[in-house]
Amino acid sequence: MSFLATKREQLRQWRYNRHSQFKYYNFWRDEHPEEMWFSRFINHYFPDCKQRINFTSVLGPVEMIDDSRQGINIFYTGENIHTDRFSDFLERYQTQQYDLSIGFDYDGPGNYIRFPLWVMWHFPPEATHEQIDKICHDMNYPTIGDRPRFCALVCSHDQSGLRKKIMESLEEVGHVDSAGRYCKNTDILQTEFADDKPQFLQQYRFNICPENSDHTGYVTEKIFDAIKSGCVPIYNGSGNKPEPEVVNKNAVVFWSNDNNDQEIAQIQNLENSHETYMHFAHQPRLTPQAPDVVKEYYELLYNKLKELI
C-alpha cells in the first residue's frame, strides 16, 4: 500500500470512529462502532464503562497496528495471520504489548485469550446461558427434510485453489451451484433468497465449506453455517480437526489434501441412497459439551475485560 493510500485509509478509519467510545482499526465496517459485537458485549456486561477502548485487527494498513493509543488497547484477529498475506501483521502482533490479545490460536503472546470467529458469528453478545443452549440445540438438530438440490458453494475467492478442486471433483456426482462471487454459475442466492445464505443453503444436501487456509485452531463461521442450515459439510481446515470439543467429526465429510477418491465415493454413496443420507444427516452435529464450551468463552472474555475495565 502506497504512502498516499495509507494516509487515505487512516483518514477513512478516523472518520468511521468519530463520536464513539469504541474505536475500530482495520476491522470490517458493516456496522457502526457501537453496533459491533465487542461493543455490544461491553455495553451489556459493563454498562457503566466510560473508557475509550481501541480494537485493532488486520484488514487495513499494517501501520494501524498500534498498542500505544490512549485508552484500553485490544488486538483481535479472525484471520489466519500465519499466512504470507499477514506476515507483517504477525511480526507486529507478536512484539507489541496490547492490554489484551484475542485470536483463534490456542496460545498467543502476552495477555492472550482464544475467542474464535465462529462464536461471534453465531451467538449474540448478550446471549444468556439458556439462549446458548437453544442455539446449540437448533444447530444440533436442524430440519433436514427433502432437499431438492445437491451441493452449494458460497465464497468470494479461492486463494489455495482447494474450493475449485472440490467443486470440479464433485461434478461427477452432481452439479455444484456456486452462488458467491467466485466461479458463480447461479444467481438464485440473490434472486430467490435476497442474499440470505442460511435460507439458500437449506435447499441443499451438501455444502462445500473449507477454510481459506489450513492452520491448527483456525476455524471460522463456514462449517457452522453448513451445520446450522442442515447441510452435510464438506470441510477442510484446522488439520481436519475443527473444534474437537464442539463439532461431531462423524457428521462431517473431511476433504483431505491428498487423494480424494474416498471422499468422493462417500459423497456418491450418500447421494445414491436417501436412507443412508438421512441417517448421516440426522446425526447430532455438535458434541454434548458444546454449549458449555461456548459459555466458557463468554466467561473468559468477561473476566479478562473485567480486569481491564
Protein backbone atom coordinates (compact mmCIF):
# COMPACT_ATOMS: atom_id res chain seq x y z
CA MET A 1 0.00 0.00 0.00
CA SER A 2 1.44 3.37 -1.06
CA PHE A 3 2.03 6.26 1.35
CA LEU A 4 -0.92 8.26 -0.01
CA ALA A 5 -3.20 5.22 0.01
CA THR A 6 -2.24 4.52 3.61
CA LYS A 7 -2.98 8.13 4.60
CA ARG A 8 -6.37 7.98 2.88
CA GLU A 9 -7.20 4.76 4.71
CA GLN A 10 -6.12 6.24 8.05
CA LEU A 11 -8.39 9.24 7.44
CA ARG A 12 -11.26 6.94 6.50
CA GLN A 13 -10.82 4.95 9.70
CA TRP A 14 -10.68 8.13 11.78
CA ARG A 15 -13.95 9.29 10.26
CA TYR A 16 -15.54 5.90 10.85
CA ASN A 17 -14.65 6.00 14.56
CA ARG A 18 -15.69 9.57 15.32
CA HIS A 19 -18.15 10.15 18.17
CA SER A 20 -17.81 6.62 19.54
CA GLN A 21 -16.30 5.35 22.78
CA PHE A 22 -15.22 2.25 20.84
CA LYS A 23 -12.59 2.69 18.13
CA TYR A 24 -12.05 0.02 15.45
CA TYR A 25 -8.95 -0.01 13.26
CA ASN A 26 -8.51 -2.45 10.37
CA PHE A 27 -11.89 -4.07 11.13
CA TRP A 28 -14.75 -4.87 8.76
CA ARG A 29 -17.22 -1.99 8.62
CA ASP A 30 -20.65 -3.47 8.03
CA GLU A 31 -21.85 -1.89 11.27
CA HIS A 32 -21.44 1.30 13.28
CA PRO A 33 -18.75 1.02 16.01
CA GLU A 34 -21.42 0.97 18.73
CA GLU A 35 -23.14 -1.97 17.00
CA MET A 36 -20.07 -4.19 16.68
CA TRP A 37 -20.07 -7.48 18.59
CA PHE A 38 -17.41 -6.44 21.11
CA SER A 39 -19.09 -3.07 21.72
CA ARG A 40 -22.41 -4.73 22.46
CA PHE A 41 -20.74 -7.26 24.76
CA ILE A 42 -19.09 -4.48 26.79
CA ASN A 43 -22.23 -2.34 26.88
CA HIS A 44 -24.23 -5.36 28.07
CA TYR A 45 -21.87 -6.56 30.80
CA PHE A 46 -20.23 -3.26 31.74
CA PRO A 47 -22.92 -0.61 31.21
CA ASP A 48 -21.07 1.94 33.36
CA CYS A 49 -17.83 1.70 31.38
CA LYS A 50 -16.80 5.13 30.07
CA GLN A 51 -13.26 4.32 28.98
CA ARG A 52 -12.11 4.59 25.39
CA ILE A 53 -11.45 1.12 24.02
CA ASN A 54 -9.40 0.62 20.85
CA PHE A 55 -9.80 -2.58 18.84
CA THR A 56 -7.15 -3.29 16.22
CA SER A 57 -7.19 -6.01 13.55
CA VAL A 58 -5.55 -6.85 10.22
CA LEU A 59 -7.93 -5.65 7.47
CA GLY A 60 -6.06 -2.47 6.63
CA PRO A 61 -2.60 -0.84 6.73
CA VAL A 62 -0.07 -2.56 8.97
CA GLU A 63 0.80 0.91 10.30
CA MET A 64 -2.53 0.88 12.14
CA ILE A 65 -1.28 -1.94 14.37
CA ASP A 66 -0.60 0.21 17.41
CA ASP A 67 -0.56 -0.58 21.13
CA SER A 68 0.01 2.97 22.41
CA ARG A 69 -3.31 4.70 21.72
CA GLN A 70 -5.00 6.42 24.64
CA GLY A 71 -7.34 4.05 26.45
CA ILE A 72 -7.52 0.25 26.50
CA ASN A 73 -5.84 -1.39 23.50
CA ILE A 74 -7.10 -4.77 22.28
CA PHE A 75 -5.82 -6.73 19.29
CA TYR A 76 -8.21 -9.14 17.58
CA THR A 77 -7.92 -11.34 14.53
CA GLY A 78 -10.36 -13.77 12.97
CA GLU A 79 -7.95 -14.20 10.03
CA ASN A 80 -5.14 -16.71 9.72
CA ILE A 81 -2.20 -14.41 10.39
CA HIS A 82 0.25 -17.30 9.88
CA THR A 83 -0.01 -16.93 6.09
CA ASP A 84 2.22 -14.84 3.81
CA ARG A 85 -0.59 -12.32 3.36
CA PHE A 86 -0.41 -11.31 7.03
CA SER A 87 3.29 -11.87 7.77
CA ASP A 88 3.91 -8.18 8.60
CA PHE A 89 0.94 -8.16 10.97
CA LEU A 90 2.11 -11.32 12.70
CA GLU A 91 5.51 -9.79 13.42
CA ARG A 92 3.97 -6.62 14.88
CA TYR A 93 1.37 -8.54 16.84
CA GLN A 94 3.96 -10.80 18.43
CA THR A 95 6.21 -7.95 19.55
CA GLN A 96 3.74 -5.31 20.75
CA GLN A 97 2.22 -5.17 24.21
CA TYR A 98 -1.55 -4.93 23.99
CA ASP A 99 -3.72 -4.86 27.08
CA LEU A 100 -5.47 -7.91 25.63
CA SER A 101 -4.95 -10.02 22.50
CA ILE A 102 -7.71 -12.22 21.09
CA GLY A 103 -7.48 -14.78 18.30
CA PHE A 104 -8.02 -18.38 17.19
CA ASP A 105 -4.62 -19.80 18.20
CA TYR A 106 -4.57 -21.99 21.27
CA ASP A 107 -1.62 -19.98 22.59
CA GLY A 108 -0.58 -16.38 21.97
CA PRO A 109 1.77 -13.65 23.16
CA GLY A 110 1.21 -11.56 26.26
CA ASN A 111 -2.22 -11.24 27.77
CA TYR A 112 -3.96 -13.54 25.27
CA ILE A 113 -7.21 -15.49 25.08
CA ARG A 114 -8.72 -17.72 22.41
CA PHE A 115 -12.09 -16.50 21.12
CA PRO A 116 -12.67 -17.87 17.60
CA LEU A 117 -14.69 -16.02 14.97
CA TRP A 118 -17.49 -18.59 14.75
CA VAL A 119 -18.61 -17.76 18.31
CA MET A 120 -19.18 -14.13 17.37
CA TRP A 121 -20.84 -15.14 14.10
CA HIS A 122 -23.47 -17.46 15.56
CA PHE A 123 -24.01 -16.31 19.15
CA PRO A 124 -25.17 -12.78 20.05
CA PRO A 125 -23.03 -10.91 22.58
CA GLU A 126 -25.96 -10.58 25.01
CA ALA A 127 -26.80 -14.31 24.90
CA THR A 128 -27.87 -15.91 28.19
CA HIS A 129 -26.97 -19.48 29.09
CA GLU A 130 -30.48 -20.53 28.08
CA GLN A 131 -30.12 -18.85 24.68
CA ILE A 132 -26.74 -20.50 24.10
CA ASP A 133 -28.34 -23.86 24.93
CA LYS A 134 -31.13 -23.22 22.42
CA ILE A 135 -28.80 -22.10 19.63
CA CYS A 136 -26.67 -25.22 20.11
CA HIS A 137 -29.79 -27.41 20.19
CA ASP A 138 -31.07 -25.88 16.95
CA MET A 139 -27.67 -26.42 15.31
CA ASN A 140 -27.54 -29.96 16.63
CA TYR A 141 -30.91 -30.98 15.24
CA PRO A 142 -31.68 -28.84 12.16
CA THR A 143 -34.65 -29.55 9.95
CA ILE A 144 -33.40 -31.81 7.18
CA GLY A 145 -36.48 -32.65 5.10
CA ASP A 146 -36.33 -33.39 1.39
CA ARG A 147 -33.79 -31.04 -0.15
CA PRO A 148 -34.14 -30.52 -3.90
CA ARG A 149 -30.54 -29.57 -4.71
CA PHE A 150 -27.25 -31.47 -4.44
CA CYS A 151 -24.44 -29.16 -3.35
CA ALA A 152 -23.67 -25.46 -2.90
CA LEU A 153 -20.55 -23.33 -2.72
CA VAL A 154 -20.70 -19.73 -1.49
CA CYS A 155 -17.39 -17.86 -1.47
CA SER A 156 -15.74 -14.75 -2.88
CA HIS A 157 -12.27 -16.15 -3.63
CA ASP A 158 -10.16 -19.30 -3.66
CA GLN A 159 -6.57 -18.41 -2.83
CA SER A 160 -5.42 -22.01 -2.37
CA GLY A 161 -7.40 -23.47 -5.29
CA LEU A 162 -8.97 -26.06 -2.99
CA ARG A 163 -12.57 -24.92 -3.45
CA LYS A 164 -12.37 -25.22 -7.22
CA LYS A 165 -10.74 -28.64 -6.86
CA ILE A 166 -13.61 -29.88 -4.66
CA MET A 167 -16.21 -28.35 -6.95
CA GLU A 168 -14.74 -29.94 -10.07
CA SER A 169 -14.23 -33.30 -8.34
CA LEU A 170 -17.89 -33.45 -7.31
CA GLU A 171 -19.24 -32.71 -10.80
CA GLU A 172 -19.05 -36.46 -11.44
CA VAL A 173 -21.54 -36.90 -8.59
CA GLY A 174 -23.86 -33.97 -9.29
CA HIS A 175 -23.96 -30.31 -10.30
CA VAL A 176 -22.50 -27.87 -7.79
CA ASP A 177 -24.20 -24.47 -7.56
CA SER A 178 -21.69 -21.68 -6.89
CA ALA A 179 -23.63 -18.63 -5.73
CA GLY A 180 -20.89 -16.32 -4.47
CA ARG A 181 -18.58 -14.08 -6.48
CA TYR A 182 -16.15 -16.93 -7.11
CA CYS A 183 -16.98 -19.29 -10.01
CA LYS A 184 -20.56 -18.00 -9.94
CA ASN A 185 -22.92 -20.15 -12.00
CA THR A 186 -26.27 -19.32 -10.38
CA ASP A 187 -27.98 -16.17 -9.13
CA ILE A 188 -30.69 -17.79 -7.01
CA LEU A 189 -28.99 -16.70 -3.78
CA GLN A 190 -29.73 -13.14 -4.84
CA THR A 191 -32.92 -13.52 -6.88
CA GLU A 192 -34.77 -16.12 -4.77
CA PHE A 193 -33.29 -15.69 -1.31
CA ALA A 194 -32.28 -11.99 -1.16
CA ASP A 195 -28.69 -12.89 -0.16
CA ASP A 196 -29.94 -14.88 2.84
CA LYS A 197 -27.25 -17.57 2.95
CA PRO A 198 -28.88 -19.80 5.63
CA GLN A 199 -32.19 -19.87 3.73
CA PHE A 200 -30.33 -20.56 0.49
CA LEU A 201 -28.33 -23.44 2.00
CA GLN A 202 -31.49 -25.10 3.29
CA GLN A 203 -32.19 -26.15 -0.31
CA TYR A 204 -29.01 -28.26 -0.46
CA ARG A 205 -27.89 -31.63 0.82
CA PHE A 206 -24.18 -30.70 0.88
CA ASN A 207 -22.17 -27.51 1.35
CA ILE A 208 -18.53 -27.09 0.26
CA CYS A 209 -17.11 -25.03 3.14
CA PRO A 210 -13.30 -25.32 3.55
CA GLU A 211 -11.32 -22.59 5.27
CA ASN A 212 -9.26 -20.09 3.28
CA SER A 213 -6.12 -21.74 4.65
CA ASP A 214 -5.16 -24.58 6.97
CA HIS A 215 -3.76 -23.87 10.43
CA THR A 216 -4.44 -25.54 13.76
CA GLY A 217 -7.29 -23.76 15.54
CA TYR A 218 -8.21 -21.58 12.54
CA VAL A 219 -11.95 -22.25 12.34
CA THR A 220 -14.35 -19.60 11.06
CA GLU A 221 -18.10 -19.48 10.60
CA LYS A 222 -18.09 -21.60 7.43
CA ILE A 223 -18.57 -25.09 8.88
CA PHE A 224 -21.12 -23.75 11.36
CA ASP A 225 -23.10 -22.09 8.55
CA ALA A 226 -23.44 -25.53 6.96
CA ILE A 227 -24.32 -27.16 10.27
CA LYS A 228 -26.94 -24.55 11.13
CA SER A 229 -28.54 -24.85 7.68
CA GLY A 230 -28.77 -28.62 7.90
CA CYS A 231 -26.31 -29.35 5.07
CA VAL A 232 -23.67 -32.03 5.32
CA PRO A 233 -20.41 -30.01 5.48
CA ILE A 234 -17.63 -30.86 3.04
CA TYR A 235 -14.78 -29.35 5.00
CA ASN A 236 -11.05 -28.84 5.10
CA GLY A 237 -9.21 -26.86 7.77
CA SER A 238 -7.54 -26.88 11.19
CA GLY A 239 -5.79 -30.14 10.34
CA ASN A 240 -9.27 -31.57 9.70
CA LYS A 241 -9.90 -31.48 13.44
CA PRO A 242 -12.06 -28.35 13.74
CA GLU A 243 -13.16 -27.51 17.27
CA PRO A 244 -12.95 -31.12 18.54
CA GLU A 245 -14.75 -30.20 21.76
CA VAL A 246 -17.66 -28.74 19.77
CA VAL A 247 -18.05 -30.39 16.35
CA ASN A 248 -19.11 -34.03 15.97
CA LYS A 249 -16.49 -35.21 13.47
CA ASN A 250 -18.70 -38.12 12.40
CA ALA A 251 -21.26 -35.68 10.93
CA VAL A 252 -18.73 -34.05 8.57
CA VAL A 253 -17.14 -35.14 5.28
CA PHE A 254 -13.48 -34.18 5.61
CA TRP A 255 -11.68 -33.40 2.36
CA SER A 256 -8.01 -34.36 2.56
CA ASN A 257 -5.12 -32.57 0.88
CA ASP A 258 -4.07 -35.72 -0.99
CA ASN A 259 -6.07 -38.31 -2.94
CA ASN A 260 -9.80 -37.75 -2.53
CA ASP A 261 -11.25 -40.91 -4.05
CA GLN A 262 -12.52 -41.98 -0.64
CA GLU A 263 -14.37 -38.71 -0.02
CA ILE A 264 -15.91 -38.72 -3.50
CA ALA A 265 -17.06 -42.31 -3.00
CA GLN A 266 -18.55 -41.40 0.39
CA ILE A 267 -20.50 -38.48 -1.09
CA GLN A 268 -21.60 -40.64 -4.05
CA ASN A 269 -22.85 -43.29 -1.63
CA LEU A 270 -24.82 -40.70 0.35
CA GLU A 271 -26.31 -39.33 -2.89
CA ASN A 272 -27.31 -42.76 -4.17
CA SER A 273 -29.25 -43.76 -1.04
CA HIS A 274 -31.84 -41.48 0.52
CA GLU A 275 -31.92 -43.68 3.62
CA THR A 276 -28.12 -43.56 4.01
CA TYR A 277 -28.07 -39.80 3.55
CA MET A 278 -30.86 -39.20 6.05
CA HIS A 279 -29.13 -41.41 8.63
CA PHE A 280 -25.88 -39.46 8.17
CA ALA A 281 -27.56 -36.05 8.13
CA HIS A 282 -29.63 -36.71 11.25
CA GLN A 283 -26.61 -37.33 13.47
CA PRO A 284 -26.11 -34.76 16.23
CA ARG A 285 -23.93 -32.08 14.64
CA LEU A 286 -22.34 -30.91 17.89
CA THR A 287 -20.88 -32.66 20.91
CA PRO A 288 -22.83 -32.84 24.20
CA GLN A 289 -20.43 -30.35 25.81
CA ALA A 290 -20.68 -27.76 23.01
CA PRO A 291 -22.94 -25.34 24.97
CA ASP A 292 -20.57 -25.40 27.93
CA VAL A 293 -17.59 -24.64 25.67
CA VAL A 294 -19.36 -21.56 24.29
CA LYS A 295 -20.29 -20.41 27.79
CA GLU A 296 -16.66 -20.79 28.86
CA TYR A 297 -15.60 -18.50 26.00
CA TYR A 298 -18.07 -15.86 27.20
CA GLU A 299 -16.86 -16.17 30.80
CA LEU A 300 -13.21 -15.97 29.77
CA LEU A 301 -13.80 -12.80 27.75
CA TYR A 302 -15.87 -11.28 30.56
CA ASN A 303 -13.19 -11.97 33.19
CA LYS A 304 -10.39 -10.53 31.04
CA LEU A 305 -12.35 -7.38 30.27
CA LYS A 306 -13.30 -7.03 33.93
CA GLU A 307 -9.59 -6.88 34.80
CA LEU A 308 -9.12 -4.02 32.34
CA ILE A 309 -12.35 -2.06 32.87
